[in-house]
PDB file of N, CA and C in Angstrom:
ATOM      1  N   MET A   1     -29.389 104.617  40.518  1.00  0.00           N
ATOM      2  CA  MET A   1     -30.663 105.516  40.640  1.00  0.00           C
ATOM      3  C   MET A   1     -30.035 107.065  40.230  1.00  0.00           C
ATOM      4  N   GLN A   2     -31.055 107.647  39.994  1.00  0.00           N
ATOM      5  CA  GLN A   2     -31.202 108.830  39.522  1.00  0.00           C
ATOM      6  C   GLN A   2     -32.159 109.866  40.147  1.00  0.00           C
ATOM      7  N   ALA A   3     -31.183 110.220  41.601  1.00  0.00           N
ATOM      8  CA  ALA A   3     -31.680 111.270  42.547  1.00  0.00           C
ATOM      9  C   ALA A   3     -32.545 112.348  42.269  1.00  0.00           C
ATOM     10  N   GLU A   4     -31.746 113.085  41.182  1.00  0.00           N
ATOM     11  CA  GLU A   4     -32.541 113.884  40.836  1.00  0.00           C
ATOM     12  C   GLU A   4     -33.698 114.174  40.036  1.00  0.00           C
ATOM     13  N   LEU A   5     -33.907 113.005  39.848  1.00  0.00           N
ATOM     14  CA  LEU A   5     -35.475 112.703  39.235  1.00  0.00           C
ATOM     15  C   LEU A   5     -36.239 112.983  40.017  1.00  0.00           C
ATOM     16  N   PHE A   6     -36.325 112.637  41.433  1.00  0.00           N
ATOM     17  CA  PHE A   6     -37.333 113.685  42.689  1.00  0.00           C
ATOM     18  C   PHE A   6     -36.910 114.645  43.040  1.00  0.00           C
ATOM     19  N   ASP A   7     -35.926 115.226  42.622  1.00  0.00           N
ATOM     20  CA  ASP A   7     -35.917 116.345  43.053  1.00  0.00           C
ATOM     21  C   ASP A   7     -36.709 117.453  42.140  1.00  0.00           C
ATOM     22  N   THR A   8     -37.880 117.004  41.784  1.00  0.00           N
ATOM     23  CA  THR A   8     -38.999 117.737  40.825  1.00  0.00           C
ATOM     24  C   THR A   8     -39.864 118.245  41.522  1.00  0.00           C
ATOM     25  N   GLN A   9     -40.451 119.570  41.255  1.00  0.00           N
ATOM     26  CA  GLN A   9     -41.869 119.843  42.085  1.00  0.00           C
ATOM     27  C   GLN A   9     -42.831 119.035  41.562  1.00  0.00           C
ATOM     28  N   GLY A  10     -43.674 118.837  42.338  1.00  0.00           N
ATOM     29  CA  GLY A  10     -45.004 118.047  42.311  1.00  0.00           C
ATOM     30  C   GLY A  10     -45.471 116.810  43.214  1.00  0.00           C
ATOM     31  N   ILE A  11     -44.027 116.579  43.113  1.00  0.00           N
ATOM     32  CA  ILE A  11     -43.935 115.263  44.033  1.00  0.00           C
ATOM     33  C   ILE A  11     -44.766 115.541  45.582  1.00  0.00           C
ATOM     34  N   GLY A  12     -45.804 114.323  45.825  1.00  0.00           N
ATOM     35  CA  GLY A  12     -46.480 114.812  46.718  1.00  0.00           C
ATOM     36  C   GLY A  12     -48.136 115.502  46.468  1.00  0.00           C
ATOM     37  N   THR A  13     -48.354 115.550  45.019  1.00  0.00           N
ATOM     38  CA  THR A  13     -49.424 116.053  44.730  1.00  0.00           C
ATOM     39  C   THR A  13     -49.988 115.447  43.751  1.00  0.00           C
ATOM     40  N   GLY A  14     -51.440 115.644  43.199  1.00  0.00           N
ATOM     41  CA  GLY A  14     -52.011 115.545  42.192  1.00  0.00           C
ATOM     42  C   GLY A  14     -50.979 114.979  40.953  1.00  0.00           C
ATOM     43  N   ARG A  15     -49.804 115.502  40.663  1.00  0.00           N
ATOM     44  CA  ARG A  15     -49.568 115.619  39.362  1.00  0.00           C
ATOM     45  C   ARG A  15     -48.715 115.157  39.473  1.00  0.00           C
ATOM     46  N   ALA A  16     -47.894 114.028  40.321  1.00  0.00           N
ATOM     47  CA  ALA A  16     -46.768 113.432  41.051  1.00  0.00           C
ATOM     48  C   ALA A  16     -46.448 112.319  39.867  1.00  0.00           C
ATOM     49  N   PHE A  17     -47.296 111.711  38.611  1.00  0.00           N
ATOM     50  CA  PHE A  17     -46.954 110.932  37.934  1.00  0.00           C
ATOM     51  C   PHE A  17     -46.507 111.809  36.992  1.00  0.00           C
ATOM     52  N   ASP A  18     -47.249 112.829  36.448  1.00  0.00           N
ATOM     53  CA  ASP A  18     -46.557 113.545  35.117  1.00  0.00           C
ATOM     54  C   ASP A  18     -45.135 114.114  35.261  1.00  0.00           C
ATOM     55  N   SER A  19     -44.932 114.705  36.773  1.00  0.00           N
ATOM     56  CA  SER A  19     -43.726 115.420  36.982  1.00  0.00           C
ATOM     57  C   SER A  19     -42.692 114.512  37.075  1.00  0.00           C
ATOM     58  N   LEU A  20     -43.184 113.209  37.214  1.00  0.00           N
ATOM     59  CA  LEU A  20     -41.848 112.108  37.599  1.00  0.00           C
ATOM     60  C   LEU A  20     -41.858 111.515  36.009  1.00  0.00           C
ATOM     61  N   MET A  21     -42.898 111.788  35.119  1.00  0.00           N
ATOM     62  CA  MET A  21     -42.681 111.070  33.941  1.00  0.00           C
ATOM     63  C   MET A  21     -41.635 111.995  33.214  1.00  0.00           C
ATOM     64  N   ALA A  22     -42.100 113.239  32.966  1.00  0.00           N
ATOM     65  CA  ALA A  22     -41.397 114.939  32.673  1.00  0.00           C
ATOM     66  C   ALA A  22     -40.028 114.424  33.025  1.00  0.00           C
ATOM     67  N   GLY A  23     -39.826 114.192  34.250  1.00  0.00           N
ATOM     68  CA  GLY A  23     -38.405 114.139  34.809  1.00  0.00           C
ATOM     69  C   GLY A  23     -37.475 113.177  34.206  1.00  0.00           C
ATOM     70  N   ALA A  24     -38.627 112.216  33.779  1.00  0.00           N
ATOM     71  CA  ALA A  24     -37.435 110.710  33.237  1.00  0.00           C
ATOM     72  C   ALA A  24     -37.336 110.971  31.942  1.00  0.00           C
ATOM     73  N   ARG A  25     -38.060 111.408  31.355  1.00  0.00           N
ATOM     74  CA  ARG A  25     -37.999 111.930  29.745  1.00  0.00           C
ATOM     75  C   ARG A  25     -36.527 112.593  29.452  1.00  0.00           C
ATOM     76  N   GLY A  26     -36.669 113.787  30.486  1.00  0.00           N
ATOM     77  CA  GLY A  26     -35.588 114.924  30.524  1.00  0.00           C
ATOM     78  C   GLY A  26     -34.615 114.356  30.774  1.00  0.00           C
ATOM     79  N   LEU A  27     -34.596 113.564  31.260  1.00  0.00           N
ATOM     80  CA  LEU A  27     -33.268 112.430  31.958  1.00  0.00           C
ATOM     81  C   LEU A  27     -32.603 111.371  30.980  1.00  0.00           C
ATOM     82  N   GLY A  28     -33.499 111.182  30.199  1.00  0.00           N
ATOM     83  CA  GLY A  28     -33.239 109.848  28.882  1.00  0.00           C
ATOM     84  C   GLY A  28     -33.705 108.826  29.262  1.00  0.00           C
ATOM     85  N   LEU A  29     -34.558 108.476  30.658  1.00  0.00           N
ATOM     86  CA  LEU A  29     -34.510 106.886  31.071  1.00  0.00           C
ATOM     87  C   LEU A  29     -35.945 106.816  30.299  1.00  0.00           C
ATOM     88  N   ARG A  30     -35.641 105.472  30.015  1.00  0.00           N
ATOM     89  CA  ARG A  30     -36.942 104.224  30.032  1.00  0.00           C
ATOM     90  C   ARG A  30     -37.980 103.717  30.863  1.00  0.00           C
ATOM     91  N   VAL A  31     -39.180 104.017  30.373  1.00  0.00           N
ATOM     92  CA  VAL A  31     -40.122 103.602  32.150  1.00  0.00           C
ATOM     93  C   VAL A  31     -40.892 102.714  31.212  1.00  0.00           C
ATOM     94  N   ALA A  32     -41.092 102.099  32.651  1.00  0.00           N
ATOM     95  CA  ALA A  32     -42.305 100.796  32.494  1.00  0.00           C
ATOM     96  C   ALA A  32     -43.030 100.971  33.458  1.00  0.00           C
ATOM     97  N   LEU A  33     -44.400 100.865  32.844  1.00  0.00           N
ATOM     98  CA  LEU A  33     -45.482 100.883  34.000  1.00  0.00           C
ATOM     99  C   LEU A  33     -45.844  99.378  33.906  1.00  0.00           C
ATOM    100  N   THR A  34     -46.495  99.415  35.601  1.00  0.00           N
ATOM    101  CA  THR A  34     -47.225  98.103  36.080  1.00  0.00           C
ATOM    102  C   THR A  34     -48.694  98.276  36.523  1.00  0.00           C
ATOM    103  N   GLU A  35     -49.031  97.305  37.021  1.00  0.00           N
ATOM    104  CA  GLU A  35     -50.576  97.865  37.467  1.00  0.00           C
ATOM    105  C   GLU A  35     -50.301  98.994  38.799  1.00  0.00           C
ATOM    106  N   THR A  36     -51.440  99.692  38.614  1.00  0.00           N
ATOM    107  CA  THR A  36     -51.353  99.998  39.953  1.00  0.00           C
ATOM    108  C   THR A  36     -52.032 100.009  41.013  1.00  0.00           C
ATOM    109  N   GLY A  37     -51.731 100.464  42.446  1.00  0.00           N
ATOM    110  CA  GLY A  37     -51.606  99.955  43.360  1.00  0.00           C
ATOM    111  C   GLY A  37     -52.552 100.882  44.009  1.00  0.00           C
ATOM    112  N   TYR A  38     -51.868 101.020  45.372  1.00  0.00           N
ATOM    113  CA  TYR A  38     -52.221 102.087  46.347  1.00  0.00           C
ATOM    114  C   TYR A  38     -51.150 102.759  46.691  1.00  0.00           C
ATOM    115  N   ASP A  39     -51.117 104.076  47.357  1.00  0.00           N
ATOM    116  CA  ASP A  39     -50.442 105.171  48.041  1.00  0.00           C
ATOM    117  C   ASP A  39     -50.247 104.545  48.998  1.00  0.00           C
ATOM    118  N   VAL A  40     -49.290 104.475  49.886  1.00  0.00           N
ATOM    119  CA  VAL A  40     -49.026 104.138  50.778  1.00  0.00           C
ATOM    120  C   VAL A  40     -47.908 105.290  51.694  1.00  0.00           C
ATOM    121  N   ASP A  41     -48.854 106.027  52.333  1.00  0.00           N
ATOM    122  CA  ASP A  41     -48.632 107.607  52.880  1.00  0.00           C
ATOM    123  C   ASP A  41     -49.131 107.923  54.075  1.00  0.00           C
ATOM    124  N   GLU A  42     -49.712 106.859  54.429  1.00  0.00           N
ATOM    125  CA  GLU A  42     -50.431 107.147  55.975  1.00  0.00           C
ATOM    126  C   GLU A  42     -50.455 105.774  56.660  1.00  0.00           C
ATOM    127  N   ALA A  43     -50.333 105.558  57.958  1.00  0.00           N
ATOM    128  CA  ALA A  43     -50.241 104.615  58.731  1.00  0.00           C
ATOM    129  C   ALA A  43     -51.247 103.722  58.402  1.00  0.00           C
ATOM    130  N   GLU A  44     -52.439 103.950  57.760  1.00  0.00           N
ATOM    131  CA  GLU A  44     -53.253 102.622  57.894  1.00  0.00           C
ATOM    132  C   GLU A  44     -52.768 102.255  56.344  1.00  0.00           C
ATOM    133  N   ASP A  45     -52.336 102.920  55.504  1.00  0.00           N
ATOM    134  CA  ASP A  45     -51.825 102.110  54.722  1.00  0.00           C
ATOM    135  C   ASP A  45     -50.510 101.194  54.515  1.00  0.00           C
ATOM    136  N   LEU A  46     -49.213 101.492  55.503  1.00  0.00           N
ATOM    137  CA  LEU A  46     -48.703 100.975  55.601  1.00  0.00           C
ATOM    138  C   LEU A  46     -49.172  99.189  56.514  1.00  0.00           C
ATOM    139  N   ALA A  47     -50.327  99.224  57.435  1.00  0.00           N
ATOM    140  CA  ALA A  47     -50.524  98.160  58.263  1.00  0.00           C
ATOM    141  C   ALA A  47     -51.609  97.588  56.651  1.00  0.00           C
ATOM    142  N   ARG A  48     -52.173  98.033  56.035  1.00  0.00           N
ATOM    143  CA  ARG A  48     -52.795  97.308  54.622  1.00  0.00           C
ATOM    144  C   ARG A  48     -51.768  96.542  53.978  1.00  0.00           C
ATOM    145  N   LEU A  49     -50.563  96.900  54.043  1.00  0.00           N
ATOM    146  CA  LEU A  49     -49.523  96.434  52.817  1.00  0.00           C
ATOM    147  C   LEU A  49     -49.037  95.654  53.980  1.00  0.00           C
ATOM    148  N   ALA A  50     -49.104  95.944  55.415  1.00  0.00           N
ATOM    149  CA  ALA A  50     -48.323  94.358  55.714  1.00  0.00           C
ATOM    150  C   ALA A  50     -49.257  93.588  55.903  1.00  0.00           C
ATOM    151  N   ARG A  51     -50.446  93.488  56.015  1.00  0.00           N
ATOM    152  CA  ARG A  51     -51.561  92.596  55.894  1.00  0.00           C
ATOM    153  C   ARG A  51     -51.690  91.846  54.397  1.00  0.00           C
ATOM    154  N   GLU A  52     -51.506  92.501  53.790  1.00  0.00           N
ATOM    155  CA  GLU A  52     -51.951  91.846  52.260  1.00  0.00           C
ATOM    156  C   GLU A  52     -49.620  90.803  51.914  1.00  0.00           C
ATOM    157  N   LEU A  53     -48.844  91.525  52.397  1.00  0.00           N
ATOM    158  CA  LEU A  53     -47.469  90.854  52.101  1.00  0.00           C
ATOM    159  C   LEU A  53     -47.492  89.995  52.829  1.00  0.00           C
ATOM    160  N   ARG A  54     -48.198  89.877  54.316  1.00  0.00           N
ATOM    161  CA  ARG A  54     -48.169  88.355  54.960  1.00  0.00           C
ATOM    162  C   ARG A  54     -48.949  87.295  53.559  1.00  0.00           C
ATOM    163  N   PHE A  55     -49.852  87.375  52.921  1.00  0.00           N
ATOM    164  CA  PHE A  55     -50.414  86.298  52.200  1.00  0.00           C
ATOM    165  C   PHE A  55     -49.565  86.486  50.908  1.00  0.00           C
ATOM    166  N   PHE A  56     -48.923  87.130  50.415  1.00  0.00           N
ATOM    167  CA  PHE A  56     -48.070  86.727  48.992  1.00  0.00           C
ATOM    168  C   PHE A  56     -46.395  88.105  49.021  1.00  0.00           C
ATOM    169  N   PRO A  57     -45.581  87.175  50.045  1.00  0.00           N
ATOM    170  CA  PRO A  57     -44.357  88.277  50.362  1.00  0.00           C
ATOM    171  C   PRO A  57     -43.484  87.709  49.126  1.00  0.00           C
ATOM    172  N   HIS A  58     -43.740  87.132  48.181  1.00  0.00           N
ATOM    173  CA  HIS A  58     -42.646  87.223  47.004  1.00  0.00           C
ATOM    174  C   HIS A  58     -43.161  88.266  45.944  1.00  0.00           C
ATOM    175  N   ARG A  59     -44.045  88.979  46.734  1.00  0.00           N
ATOM    176  CA  ARG A  59     -44.483  90.213  45.377  1.00  0.00           C
ATOM    177  C   ARG A  59     -43.931  91.384  45.688  1.00  0.00           C
ATOM    178  N   ALA A  60     -42.760  91.237  47.128  1.00  0.00           N
ATOM    179  CA  ALA A  60     -42.037  92.674  47.603  1.00  0.00           C
ATOM    180  C   ALA A  60     -41.373  92.015  48.699  1.00  0.00           C
ATOM    181  N   PRO A  61     -40.523  90.714  48.473  1.00  0.00           N
ATOM    182  CA  PRO A  61     -39.843  89.686  49.522  1.00  0.00           C
ATOM    183  C   PRO A  61     -38.858  90.916  50.544  1.00  0.00           C
ATOM    184  N   ARG A  62     -38.597  91.626  50.193  1.00  0.00           N
ATOM    185  CA  ARG A  62     -37.692  93.154  51.237  1.00  0.00           C
ATOM    186  C   ARG A  62     -38.729  93.549  51.964  1.00  0.00           C
ATOM    187  N   THR A  63     -39.444  94.349  51.209  1.00  0.00           N
ATOM    188  CA  THR A  63     -40.635  95.076  52.275  1.00  0.00           C
ATOM    189  C   THR A  63     -41.395  94.248  52.797  1.00  0.00           C
ATOM    190  N   ALA A  64     -41.380  92.727  52.429  1.00  0.00           N
ATOM    191  CA  ALA A  64     -42.490  91.793  53.544  1.00  0.00           C
ATOM    192  C   ALA A  64     -41.297  91.563  54.612  1.00  0.00           C
ATOM    193  N   ALA A  65     -40.203  91.253  54.239  1.00  0.00           N
ATOM    194  CA  ALA A  65     -39.660  90.980  55.955  1.00  0.00           C
ATOM    195  C   ALA A  65     -39.627  92.281  56.519  1.00  0.00           C
ATOM    196  N   TRP A  66     -39.557  93.243  56.187  1.00  0.00           N
ATOM    197  CA  TRP A  66     -39.294  94.996  57.120  1.00  0.00           C
ATOM    198  C   TRP A  66     -40.362  94.672  57.584  1.00  0.00           C
ATOM    199  N   LEU A  67     -41.632  94.368  56.627  1.00  0.00           N
ATOM    200  CA  LEU A  67     -43.209  94.941  57.822  1.00  0.00           C
ATOM    201  C   LEU A  67     -43.048  94.114  58.789  1.00  0.00           C
ATOM    202  N   ALA A  68     -43.088  92.339  58.592  1.00  0.00           N
ATOM    203  CA  ALA A  68     -42.998  91.660  59.480  1.00  0.00           C
ATOM    204  C   ALA A  68     -42.571  92.338  60.451  1.00  0.00           C
ATOM    205  N   ARG A  69     -41.496  92.488  61.029  1.00  0.00           N
ATOM    206  CA  ARG A  69     -40.544  93.092  61.343  1.00  0.00           C
ATOM    207  C   ARG A  69     -41.268  94.051  62.908  1.00  0.00           C
ATOM    208  N   GLN A  70     -41.797  94.991  61.780  1.00  0.00           N
ATOM    209  CA  GLN A  70     -42.546  96.041  62.272  1.00  0.00           C
ATOM    210  C   GLN A  70     -43.897  95.535  62.377  1.00  0.00           C
ATOM    211  N   SER A  71     -44.363  94.734  62.387  1.00  0.00           N
ATOM    212  CA  SER A  71     -45.832  94.221  62.360  1.00  0.00           C
ATOM    213  C   SER A  71     -45.255  93.357  64.110  1.00  0.00           C
ATOM    214  N   GLU A  72     -44.551  92.969  64.280  1.00  0.00           N
ATOM    215  CA  GLU A  72     -44.293  92.105  65.746  1.00  0.00           C
ATOM    216  C   GLU A  72     -43.983  93.517  66.632  1.00  0.00           C
ATOM    217  N   LEU A  73     -43.229  94.141  66.423  1.00  0.00           N
ATOM    218  CA  LEU A  73     -42.901  95.585  66.791  1.00  0.00           C
ATOM    219  C   LEU A  73     -44.117  96.630  67.322  1.00  0.00           C
ATOM    220  N   ARG A  74     -44.863  96.516  66.830  1.00  0.00           N
ATOM    221  CA  ARG A  74     -46.136  97.207  66.291  1.00  0.00           C
ATOM    222  C   ARG A  74     -47.291  97.050  66.557  1.00  0.00           C
ATOM    223  N   GLY A  75     -47.873  95.353  66.136  1.00  0.00           N
ATOM    224  CA  GLY A  75     -48.923  94.756  66.778  1.00  0.00           C
ATOM    225  C   GLY A  75     -50.210  95.141  65.479  1.00  0.00           C
ATOM    226  N   TRP A  76     -49.364  95.450  64.447  1.00  0.00           N
ATOM    227  CA  TRP A  76     -50.189  95.347  63.062  1.00  0.00           C
ATOM    228  C   TRP A  76     -51.137  93.818  63.001  1.00  0.00           C
TER     229      TRP A  76
END
């Protein structure tokens, strides 16, 4: 992992994508894009992701397992 990729300004803003792409180019990294999804930066977003991964855990197995444990603890 290239930790310095995330040391760029603009993360957490509307320019995050552009900042990350510029940083990746500057580090000589190859980038592949996937389908767009939604941000997971609020408690409600995390609960939504937990609900979705209950039905499709193969999409993110480790995240699904962690969220399942959290859901039991937090009552999502």
